[in-house]
Structure formats: structure tokens, C-alpha cells
């Protein structure tokens, strides 16, 4: 094919079409890149906000956890102090039982020599082993009561912190 035979006007139209196609290609890429940058900036902003919120929630949770832990530690030390006081009271009460009569080796209930009635009918007349058993059981019940109160206080503090 001989290009010299093509009318110059056709060459002008081909050049103009190529110029328009090039301009459209450049405009499309420029708009596409600008749009992609815009979408990326929006995405980055949303992700940054989500990350900041997540960090804030984690920070708040850590602060609440530390606060609750210090509250629990304080309550636990108070409960331990009360249990220590109960233990010393228990030791004193058990030491005070030394003047009570002991149960006989055969397991029979001794009688009061002056009245002839059996000893142990009232709390004042309980035998040493029976009194010690009851004192230890009441001490154990008091310890459980204190631990229950501590557990309930801890639960209520945690429940209030979650709300």
C-alpha cells in the first residue's frame, strides 16, 4: 500500500482520532488514579478510626481490669484479716476448754457426781471433745460466710464495672 496516495485530509483525521484517543486514554487513567487514591484514602481513614476505637476499647478494658484487681486485692486482704482474727479467736476458745471434763475412753457419757444427771445436757456442761467440735464447726462456718461475702462483693463490683 502506498501511503503517499492517501489524501492529506484523511491523514489529518487519523491524527486527530489518534490525538483524541490519546487524550481519552490519559484522562481515563488520570481519573482512575485519582479515584483509586480517593478510595484508598477513605479506606485508610476508616481503618485508622477502627484501629483507634479498638485501641481505646482495649485501653479502657485494661484500666477496668486493673481497677477491679486492686478492689479484689483489697477485699481479699480484709477477708484474710478477718479470717486471721477468727483463727486466733478459735485458738483462744480451744485453749479455754482445758478445764472441761473429757469423754471417758469407753465413750460413755459421764455423770455429775453431785446431781447424778448426765453431763452435757446444756452448753455449759458439754464435754471437751464435743465443745471443741462445735467451736471448730462454728469457726469453719464463719470462714465460709466471710468468703461468701467476699465473693459476692467481688461479683457485684465486676458486674457494676461491666455496665
N, C-alpha and C. Protein backbone atom coordinates (compact mmCIF):
# COMPACT_ATOMS: atom_id res chain seq x y z
N UNK A 1 0.84 -1.16 0.00
CA UNK A 1 0.00 0.00 0.00
C UNK A 1 0.90 1.24 0.00
N UNK A 2 0.52 2.18 -0.76
CA UNK A 2 1.29 3.39 -0.91
C UNK A 2 0.61 4.49 -0.10
N UNK A 3 1.31 4.94 0.97
CA UNK A 3 0.72 5.94 1.88
C UNK A 3 0.71 7.32 1.25
N UNK A 4 1.47 7.53 0.27
CA UNK A 4 1.51 8.85 -0.37
C UNK A 4 0.24 9.13 -1.15
N UNK A 5 -0.45 8.08 -1.51
CA UNK A 5 -1.67 8.27 -2.29
C UNK A 5 -2.88 8.61 -1.41
N UNK A 6 -2.71 8.49 -0.09
CA UNK A 6 -3.84 8.79 0.80
C UNK A 6 -3.95 10.30 0.91
N UNK A 7 -5.15 10.74 0.84
CA UNK A 7 -5.46 12.17 0.90
C UNK A 7 -4.95 12.75 2.22
N UNK A 8 -4.32 13.94 2.20
CA UNK A 8 -3.81 14.55 3.44
C UNK A 8 -4.93 14.82 4.44
N UNK A 9 -6.10 14.98 3.94
CA UNK A 9 -7.23 15.22 4.84
C UNK A 9 -7.49 13.96 5.67
N UNK A 10 -7.34 12.81 5.10
CA UNK A 10 -7.52 11.54 5.81
C UNK A 10 -6.43 11.42 6.86
N UNK A 11 -5.19 11.82 6.44
CA UNK A 11 -4.10 11.80 7.42
C UNK A 11 -4.44 12.71 8.61
N UNK A 12 -5.00 13.82 8.33
CA UNK A 12 -5.37 14.76 9.40
C UNK A 12 -6.45 14.14 10.29
N UNK A 13 -7.41 13.47 9.71
CA UNK A 13 -8.46 12.84 10.50
C UNK A 13 -7.90 11.69 11.33
N UNK A 14 -6.95 10.94 10.75
CA UNK A 14 -6.31 9.85 11.51
C UNK A 14 -5.52 10.42 12.68
N UNK A 15 -4.79 11.49 12.43
CA UNK A 15 -4.00 12.13 13.50
C UNK A 15 -4.92 12.68 14.58
N UNK A 16 -6.03 13.31 14.13
CA UNK A 16 -6.98 13.85 15.10
C UNK A 16 -7.62 12.73 15.91
N UNK A 17 -7.97 11.62 15.30
CA UNK A 17 -8.54 10.48 16.01
C UNK A 17 -7.52 9.91 17.00
N UNK A 18 -6.25 9.82 16.59
CA UNK A 18 -5.21 9.33 17.49
C UNK A 18 -5.02 10.28 18.66
N UNK A 19 -5.07 11.59 18.39
CA UNK A 19 -4.94 12.59 19.45
C UNK A 19 -6.10 12.49 20.42
N UNK A 20 -7.30 12.35 19.91
CA UNK A 20 -8.49 12.23 20.78
C UNK A 20 -8.40 10.93 21.59
N UNK A 21 -7.98 9.84 20.94
CA UNK A 21 -7.84 8.57 21.67
C UNK A 21 -6.79 8.69 22.77
N UNK A 22 -5.67 9.33 22.47
CA UNK A 22 -4.62 9.52 23.47
C UNK A 22 -5.10 10.38 24.63
N UNK A 23 -5.84 11.44 24.29
CA UNK A 23 -6.36 12.32 25.35
C UNK A 23 -7.36 11.57 26.22
N UNK A 24 -8.21 10.77 25.59
CA UNK A 24 -9.19 9.99 26.36
C UNK A 24 -8.46 8.97 27.24
N UNK A 25 -7.44 8.32 26.69
CA UNK A 25 -6.70 7.35 27.48
C UNK A 25 -6.04 8.03 28.69
N UNK A 26 -5.42 9.20 28.45
CA UNK A 26 -4.77 9.92 29.54
C UNK A 26 -5.81 10.36 30.57
N UNK A 27 -6.95 10.90 30.14
CA UNK A 27 -7.99 11.36 31.06
C UNK A 27 -8.54 10.19 31.88
N UNK A 28 -8.78 9.06 31.22
CA UNK A 28 -9.29 7.89 31.93
C UNK A 28 -8.32 7.46 33.02
N UNK A 29 -7.05 7.35 32.71
CA UNK A 29 -6.05 6.95 33.70
C UNK A 29 -5.92 7.97 34.81
N UNK A 30 -5.97 9.24 34.47
CA UNK A 30 -5.86 10.28 35.50
C UNK A 30 -7.06 10.21 36.44
N UNK A 31 -8.25 10.08 35.89
CA UNK A 31 -9.46 9.99 36.73
C UNK A 31 -9.44 8.70 37.52
N UNK A 32 -9.04 7.61 36.90
CA UNK A 32 -8.99 6.33 37.60
C UNK A 32 -8.01 6.39 38.76
N UNK A 33 -6.82 6.93 38.51
CA UNK A 33 -5.82 7.03 39.58
C UNK A 33 -6.31 7.93 40.69
N UNK A 34 -6.92 9.06 40.32
CA UNK A 34 -7.45 9.98 41.32
C UNK A 34 -8.56 9.29 42.13
N UNK A 35 -9.43 8.55 41.45
CA UNK A 35 -10.49 7.81 42.13
C UNK A 35 -9.94 6.73 43.04
N UNK A 36 -8.94 6.03 42.55
CA UNK A 36 -8.32 4.99 43.36
C UNK A 36 -7.66 5.59 44.60
N UNK A 37 -6.99 6.72 44.42
CA UNK A 37 -6.39 7.40 45.57
C UNK A 37 -7.45 7.84 46.56
N UNK A 38 -8.55 8.35 46.04
CA UNK A 38 -9.64 8.80 46.91
C UNK A 38 -10.22 7.62 47.71
N UNK A 39 -10.46 6.52 47.02
CA UNK A 39 -10.99 5.33 47.70
C UNK A 39 -9.99 4.82 48.72
N UNK A 40 -8.72 4.82 48.38
CA UNK A 40 -7.69 4.35 49.31
C UNK A 40 -7.63 5.24 50.54
N UNK A 41 -7.72 6.57 50.35
CA UNK A 41 -7.70 7.49 51.48
C UNK A 41 -8.91 7.26 52.38
N UNK A 42 -10.08 7.04 51.79
CA UNK A 42 -11.28 6.76 52.60
C UNK A 42 -11.10 5.46 53.37
N UNK A 43 -10.59 4.45 52.70
CA UNK A 43 -10.35 3.16 53.35
C UNK A 43 -9.36 3.31 54.50
N UNK A 44 -8.27 4.02 54.26
CA UNK A 44 -7.27 4.23 55.30
C UNK A 44 -7.87 4.98 56.49
N UNK A 45 -8.71 5.98 56.22
CA UNK A 45 -9.34 6.74 57.30
C UNK A 45 -10.26 5.85 58.13
N UNK A 46 -11.04 5.03 57.45
CA UNK A 46 -11.95 4.12 58.17
C UNK A 46 -11.15 3.12 59.00
N UNK A 47 -10.10 2.57 58.43
CA UNK A 47 -9.27 1.60 59.15
C UNK A 47 -8.56 2.26 60.34
N UNK A 48 -8.11 3.49 60.16
CA UNK A 48 -7.46 4.20 61.27
C UNK A 48 -8.46 4.45 62.39
N UNK A 49 -9.67 4.86 62.04
CA UNK A 49 -10.71 5.09 63.05
C UNK A 49 -11.04 3.79 63.78
N UNK A 50 -11.17 2.70 63.04
CA UNK A 50 -11.47 1.40 63.64
C UNK A 50 -10.32 0.97 64.55
N UNK A 51 -9.11 1.19 64.10
CA UNK A 51 -7.95 0.84 64.92
C UNK A 51 -7.89 1.67 66.19
N UNK A 52 -8.18 2.98 66.07
CA UNK A 52 -8.19 3.85 67.25
C UNK A 52 -9.28 3.43 68.23
N UNK A 53 -10.45 3.10 67.71
CA UNK A 53 -11.52 2.65 68.59
C UNK A 53 -11.16 1.34 69.28
N UNK A 54 -10.55 0.44 68.54
CA UNK A 54 -10.13 -0.83 69.12
C UNK A 54 -9.08 -0.61 70.21
N UNK A 55 -8.14 0.28 69.95
CA UNK A 55 -7.11 0.58 70.96
C UNK A 55 -7.74 1.23 72.19
N UNK A 56 -8.74 2.10 71.98
CA UNK A 56 -9.40 2.75 73.12
C UNK A 56 -10.17 1.73 73.95
N UNK A 57 -10.88 0.81 73.27
CA UNK A 57 -11.62 -0.22 73.99
C UNK A 57 -10.65 -1.10 74.79
N UNK A 58 -9.54 -1.47 74.18
CA UNK A 58 -8.56 -2.30 74.87
C UNK A 58 -7.96 -1.55 76.06
N UNK A 59 -7.69 -0.27 75.89
CA UNK A 59 -7.14 0.54 76.97
C UNK A 59 -8.15 0.67 78.11
N UNK A 60 -9.41 0.91 77.76
CA UNK A 60 -10.45 1.02 78.79
C UNK A 60 -10.63 -0.30 79.53
N UNK A 61 -10.60 -1.40 78.78
CA UNK A 61 -10.74 -2.72 79.41
C UNK A 61 -9.57 -3.00 80.36
N UNK A 62 -8.37 -2.60 79.96
CA UNK A 62 -7.21 -2.80 80.82
C UNK A 62 -7.32 -1.96 82.09
N UNK A 63 -7.80 -0.72 81.95
CA UNK A 63 -7.97 0.14 83.12
C UNK A 63 -9.01 -0.43 84.07
N UNK A 64 -10.11 -0.92 83.52
CA UNK A 64 -11.16 -1.51 84.36
C UNK A 64 -10.63 -2.77 85.03
N UNK A 65 -9.87 -3.57 84.30
CA UNK A 65 -9.31 -4.79 84.87
C UNK A 65 -8.36 -4.47 86.02
N UNK A 66 -7.52 -3.48 85.83
CA UNK A 66 -6.59 -3.10 86.91
C UNK A 66 -7.34 -2.57 88.11
N UNK A 67 -8.36 -1.76 87.87
CA UNK A 67 -9.17 -1.23 88.97
C UNK A 67 -9.87 -2.35 89.74
N UNK A 68 -10.46 -3.29 88.98
CA UNK A 68 -11.13 -4.42 89.63
C UNK A 68 -10.13 -5.27 90.41
N UNK A 69 -8.96 -5.48 89.85
CA UNK A 69 -7.97 -6.30 90.53
C UNK A 69 -7.54 -5.66 91.84
N UNK A 70 -7.35 -4.34 91.85
CA UNK A 70 -6.97 -3.68 93.10
C UNK A 70 -8.11 -3.75 94.11
N UNK A 71 -9.36 -3.63 93.62
CA UNK A 71 -10.51 -3.76 94.52
C UNK A 71 -10.58 -5.17 95.09
N UNK A 72 -10.37 -6.17 94.24
CA UNK A 72 -10.41 -7.55 94.70
C UNK A 72 -9.29 -7.82 95.70
N UNK A 73 -8.11 -7.28 95.43
CA UNK A 73 -6.99 -7.48 96.35
C UNK A 73 -7.28 -6.87 97.72
N UNK A 74 -7.87 -5.68 97.72
CA UNK A 74 -8.22 -5.02 98.98
C UNK A 74 -9.25 -5.84 99.74
N UNK A 75 -10.28 -6.28 99.02
CA UNK A 75 -11.31 -7.10 99.67
C UNK A 75 -10.73 -8.41 100.19
N UNK A 76 -9.86 -9.02 99.41
CA UNK A 76 -9.25 -10.28 99.83
C UNK A 76 -8.40 -10.07 101.08
N UNK A 77 -7.64 -8.98 101.15
CA UNK A 77 -6.81 -8.74 102.34
C UNK A 77 -7.69 -8.49 103.57
N UNK A 78 -8.82 -7.79 103.39
CA UNK A 78 -9.75 -7.58 104.51
C UNK A 78 -10.33 -8.91 104.97
N UNK A 79 -10.72 -9.74 104.03
CA UNK A 79 -11.27 -11.05 104.39
C UNK A 79 -10.21 -11.90 105.08
N UNK A 80 -8.99 -11.88 104.58
CA UNK A 80 -7.91 -12.65 105.21
C UNK A 80 -7.63 -12.16 106.63
N UNK A 81 -7.72 -10.84 106.84
CA UNK A 81 -7.52 -10.30 108.19
C UNK A 81 -8.64 -10.78 109.12
N UNK A 82 -9.87 -10.80 108.62
CA UNK A 82 -10.98 -11.27 109.45
C UNK A 82 -10.83 -12.77 109.74
N UNK A 83 -10.38 -13.54 108.77
CA UNK A 83 -10.17 -14.97 108.99
C UNK A 83 -9.04 -15.20 109.99
N UNK A 84 -8.00 -14.38 109.92
CA UNK A 84 -6.90 -14.50 110.90
C UNK A 84 -7.41 -14.20 112.30
N UNK A 85 -8.28 -13.19 112.43
CA UNK A 85 -8.88 -12.88 113.74
C UNK A 85 -9.74 -14.05 114.22
N UNK A 86 -10.48 -14.67 113.30
CA UNK A 86 -11.28 -15.84 113.67
C UNK A 86 -10.38 -16.99 114.12
N UNK A 87 -9.25 -17.19 113.43
CA UNK A 87 -8.34 -18.26 113.81
C UNK A 87 -7.75 -18.04 115.20
N UNK A 88 -7.39 -16.80 115.51
CA UNK A 88 -6.86 -16.53 116.85
C UNK A 88 -7.96 -16.68 117.90
N UNK A 89 -9.18 -16.29 117.57
CA UNK A 89 -10.30 -16.48 118.49
C UNK A 89 -10.56 -17.97 118.69
N UNK A 90 -10.45 -18.75 117.62
CA UNK A 90 -10.63 -20.20 117.70
C UNK A 90 -9.58 -20.81 118.61
N UNK A 91 -8.33 -20.40 118.42
CA UNK A 91 -7.25 -20.94 119.26
C UNK A 91 -7.48 -20.60 120.72
N UNK A 92 -7.93 -19.38 121.00
CA UNK A 92 -8.21 -18.99 122.38
C UNK A 92 -9.37 -19.78 122.97
N UNK A 93 -10.40 -19.99 122.17
CA UNK A 93 -11.55 -20.74 122.67
C UNK A 93 -11.19 -22.20 122.94
N UNK A 94 -10.37 -22.78 122.06
CA UNK A 94 -9.98 -24.18 122.26
C UNK A 94 -9.07 -24.31 123.48
N UNK A 95 -8.18 -23.33 123.68
CA UNK A 95 -7.33 -23.35 124.88
C UNK A 95 -8.15 -23.20 126.14
N UNK A 96 -9.29 -22.51 126.05
CA UNK A 96 -10.16 -22.33 127.22
C UNK A 96 -10.93 -23.59 127.59
N UNK A 97 -10.87 -24.60 126.76
CA UNK A 97 -11.59 -25.85 127.05
C UNK A 97 -10.82 -26.80 127.95
N UNK A 98 -9.64 -26.41 128.37
CA UNK A 98 -8.80 -27.34 129.15
C UNK A 98 -9.41 -27.68 130.50
N UNK A 99 -10.28 -26.83 131.05
CA UNK A 99 -10.87 -27.12 132.36
C UNK A 99 -12.17 -27.92 132.25
N UNK A 100 -12.61 -28.25 131.06
CA UNK A 100 -13.81 -29.06 130.90
C UNK A 100 -13.45 -30.54 131.03
N UNK A 101 -14.40 -31.33 131.47
CA UNK A 101 -14.11 -32.76 131.58
C UNK A 101 -14.05 -33.41 130.21
N UNK A 102 -13.20 -34.42 130.09
CA UNK A 102 -13.05 -35.13 128.82
C UNK A 102 -13.98 -36.34 128.80
N UNK A 103 -14.26 -36.81 127.63
CA UNK A 103 -15.09 -38.01 127.47
C UNK A 103 -14.27 -39.21 127.94
N UNK A 104 -14.95 -40.15 128.53
CA UNK A 104 -14.27 -41.35 129.00
C UNK A 104 -13.77 -42.16 127.81
N UNK A 105 -12.77 -42.98 128.06
CA UNK A 105 -12.16 -43.76 126.99
C UNK A 105 -13.14 -44.75 126.39
N UNK A 106 -14.09 -45.23 127.19
CA UNK A 106 -15.05 -46.20 126.66
C UNK A 106 -16.17 -45.53 125.87
N UNK A 107 -16.21 -44.19 125.86
CA UNK A 107 -17.20 -43.46 125.07
C UNK A 107 -18.49 -43.21 125.80
N UNK A 108 -18.60 -43.62 127.07
CA UNK A 108 -19.84 -43.38 127.82
C UNK A 108 -19.90 -41.92 128.25
N UNK A 109 -21.09 -41.45 128.52
CA UNK A 109 -21.28 -40.07 128.96
C UNK A 109 -21.16 -40.04 130.47
N UNK A 110 -20.21 -39.24 131.01
CA UNK A 110 -20.04 -39.22 132.47
C UNK A 110 -21.22 -38.52 133.16
N UNK A 111 -21.39 -38.84 134.43
CA UNK A 111 -22.47 -38.25 135.22
C UNK A 111 -21.88 -37.26 136.21
N UNK A 112 -22.70 -36.27 136.50
CA UNK A 112 -22.30 -35.27 137.50
C UNK A 112 -22.42 -35.93 138.87
N UNK A 113 -21.33 -35.94 139.65
CA UNK A 113 -21.39 -36.65 140.93
C UNK A 113 -22.37 -36.02 141.92
N UNK A 114 -22.58 -34.72 141.86
CA UNK A 114 -23.45 -34.08 142.85
C UNK A 114 -24.92 -34.29 142.54
N UNK A 115 -25.30 -34.25 141.25
CA UNK A 115 -26.72 -34.37 140.92
C UNK A 115 -27.07 -35.73 140.35
N UNK A 116 -26.12 -36.43 139.81
CA UNK A 116 -26.38 -37.73 139.22
C UNK A 116 -26.89 -37.65 137.80
N UNK A 117 -27.09 -36.42 137.28
CA UNK A 117 -27.57 -36.28 135.90
C UNK A 117 -26.38 -36.39 134.94
N UNK A 118 -26.67 -36.67 133.71
CA UNK A 118 -25.59 -36.79 132.73
C UNK A 118 -25.04 -35.41 132.40
N UNK A 119 -23.74 -35.33 132.20
CA UNK A 119 -23.10 -34.07 131.83
C UNK A 119 -23.28 -33.87 130.34
N UNK A 120 -23.48 -32.66 129.95
CA UNK A 120 -23.58 -32.37 128.53
C UNK A 120 -24.99 -32.02 128.12
N UNK A 121 -25.89 -31.84 129.07
CA UNK A 121 -27.27 -31.52 128.74
C UNK A 121 -27.40 -30.08 128.26
N UNK A 122 -26.55 -29.18 128.73
CA UNK A 122 -26.58 -27.78 128.29
C UNK A 122 -25.22 -27.44 127.71
N UNK A 123 -25.11 -26.25 127.09
CA UNK A 123 -23.85 -25.83 126.50
C UNK A 123 -22.76 -25.66 127.54
N UNK A 124 -23.13 -25.27 128.73
CA UNK A 124 -22.13 -25.07 129.78
C UNK A 124 -21.55 -26.39 130.25
N UNK A 125 -22.28 -27.47 130.09
CA UNK A 125 -21.84 -28.77 130.59
C UNK A 125 -21.30 -29.68 129.49
N UNK A 126 -21.05 -29.16 128.29
CA UNK A 126 -20.55 -30.01 127.21
C UNK A 126 -19.16 -30.53 127.54
N UNK A 127 -18.88 -31.72 127.06
CA UNK A 127 -17.56 -32.30 127.24
C UNK A 127 -16.55 -31.59 126.34
N UNK A 128 -15.29 -31.75 126.68
CA UNK A 128 -14.23 -31.06 125.97
C UNK A 128 -14.24 -31.38 124.46
N UNK A 129 -14.34 -32.65 124.10
CA UNK A 129 -14.30 -33.03 122.69
C UNK A 129 -15.52 -32.47 121.93
N UNK A 130 -16.68 -32.52 122.58
CA UNK A 130 -17.89 -32.01 121.94
C UNK A 130 -17.82 -30.50 121.76
N UNK A 131 -17.33 -29.81 122.77
CA UNK A 131 -17.19 -28.36 122.70
C UNK A 131 -16.20 -27.96 121.62
N UNK A 132 -15.09 -28.69 121.56
CA UNK A 132 -14.07 -28.38 120.55
C UNK A 132 -14.64 -28.59 119.15
N UNK A 133 -15.39 -29.68 118.97
CA UNK A 133 -16.00 -29.94 117.67
C UNK A 133 -16.93 -28.79 117.28
N UNK A 134 -17.78 -28.36 118.20
CA UNK A 134 -18.73 -27.30 117.89
C UNK A 134 -18.03 -25.96 117.64
N UNK A 135 -16.99 -25.68 118.39
CA UNK A 135 -16.25 -24.43 118.19
C UNK A 135 -15.58 -24.44 116.81
N UNK A 136 -14.99 -25.56 116.46
CA UNK A 136 -14.34 -25.66 115.14
C UNK A 136 -15.36 -25.55 114.00
N UNK A 137 -16.51 -26.17 114.16
CA UNK A 137 -17.54 -26.08 113.13
C UNK A 137 -18.07 -24.66 112.99
N UNK A 138 -18.27 -23.98 114.11
CA UNK A 138 -18.75 -22.59 114.01
C UNK A 138 -17.69 -21.70 113.39
N UNK A 139 -16.42 -21.98 113.69
CA UNK A 139 -15.34 -21.21 113.07
C UNK A 139 -15.29 -21.46 111.57
N UNK A 140 -15.45 -22.72 111.18
CA UNK A 140 -15.45 -23.05 109.76
C UNK A 140 -16.63 -22.38 109.05
N UNK A 141 -17.79 -22.36 109.70
CA UNK A 141 -18.97 -21.70 109.12
C UNK A 141 -18.74 -20.19 108.98
N UNK A 142 -18.10 -19.60 109.98
CA UNK A 142 -17.81 -18.16 109.90
C UNK A 142 -16.83 -17.86 108.76
N UNK A 143 -15.83 -18.72 108.58
CA UNK A 143 -14.89 -18.53 107.47
C UNK A 143 -15.60 -18.63 106.13
N UNK A 144 -16.47 -19.61 106.00
CA UNK A 144 -17.23 -19.75 104.76
C UNK A 144 -18.13 -18.55 104.53
N UNK A 145 -18.74 -18.05 105.60
CA UNK A 145 -19.59 -16.87 105.49
C UNK A 145 -18.77 -15.66 105.01
N UNK A 146 -17.58 -15.47 105.56
CA UNK A 146 -16.73 -14.35 105.15
C UNK A 146 -16.29 -14.50 103.70
N UNK A 147 -15.96 -15.72 103.30
CA UNK A 147 -15.56 -15.95 101.91
C UNK A 147 -16.73 -15.74 100.96
N UNK A 148 -17.92 -16.11 101.38
CA UNK A 148 -19.11 -15.88 100.56
C UNK A 148 -19.36 -14.39 100.38
N UNK A 149 -19.24 -13.64 101.45
CA UNK A 149 -19.44 -12.18 101.37
C UNK A 149 -18.40 -11.57 100.45
N UNK A 150 -17.14 -12.03 100.56
CA UNK A 150 -16.08 -11.53 99.68
C UNK A 150 -16.38 -11.85 98.22
N UNK A 151 -16.84 -13.06 97.97
CA UNK A 151 -17.17 -13.46 96.60
C UNK A 151 -18.33 -12.63 96.06
N UNK A 152 -19.35 -12.40 96.87
CA UNK A 152 -20.49 -11.60 96.42
C UNK A 152 -20.08 -10.15 96.15
N UNK A 153 -19.23 -9.59 97.00
CA UNK A 153 -18.76 -8.22 96.75
C UNK A 153 -17.95 -8.14 95.46
N UNK A 154 -17.10 -9.14 95.23
CA UNK A 154 -16.30 -9.16 94.00
C UNK A 154 -17.20 -9.28 92.78
N UNK A 155 -18.19 -10.13 92.87
CA UNK A 155 -19.11 -10.31 91.75
C UNK A 155 -19.87 -9.01 91.46
N UNK A 156 -20.36 -8.36 92.50
CA UNK A 156 -21.11 -7.11 92.29
C UNK A 156 -20.20 -6.01 91.72
N UNK A 157 -18.94 -5.97 92.17
CA UNK A 157 -18.01 -4.97 91.62
C UNK A 157 -17.75 -5.23 90.14
N UNK A 158 -17.56 -6.48 89.79
CA UNK A 158 -17.33 -6.83 88.38
C UNK A 158 -18.58 -6.55 87.55
N UNK A 159 -19.71 -6.85 88.09
CA UNK A 159 -20.98 -6.61 87.37
C UNK A 159 -21.19 -5.12 87.15
N UNK A 160 -20.89 -4.31 88.17
CA UNK A 160 -21.05 -2.86 88.04
C UNK A 160 -20.04 -2.31 87.02
N UNK A 161 -18.85 -2.88 86.98
CA UNK A 161 -17.83 -2.40 86.03
C UNK A 161 -18.20 -2.72 84.60
N UNK A 162 -18.91 -3.82 84.38
CA UNK A 162 -19.29 -4.20 83.02
C UNK A 162 -20.39 -3.28 82.50
N UNK A 163 -21.29 -2.88 83.37
CA UNK A 163 -22.37 -1.99 82.93
C UNK A 163 -21.80 -0.66 82.62
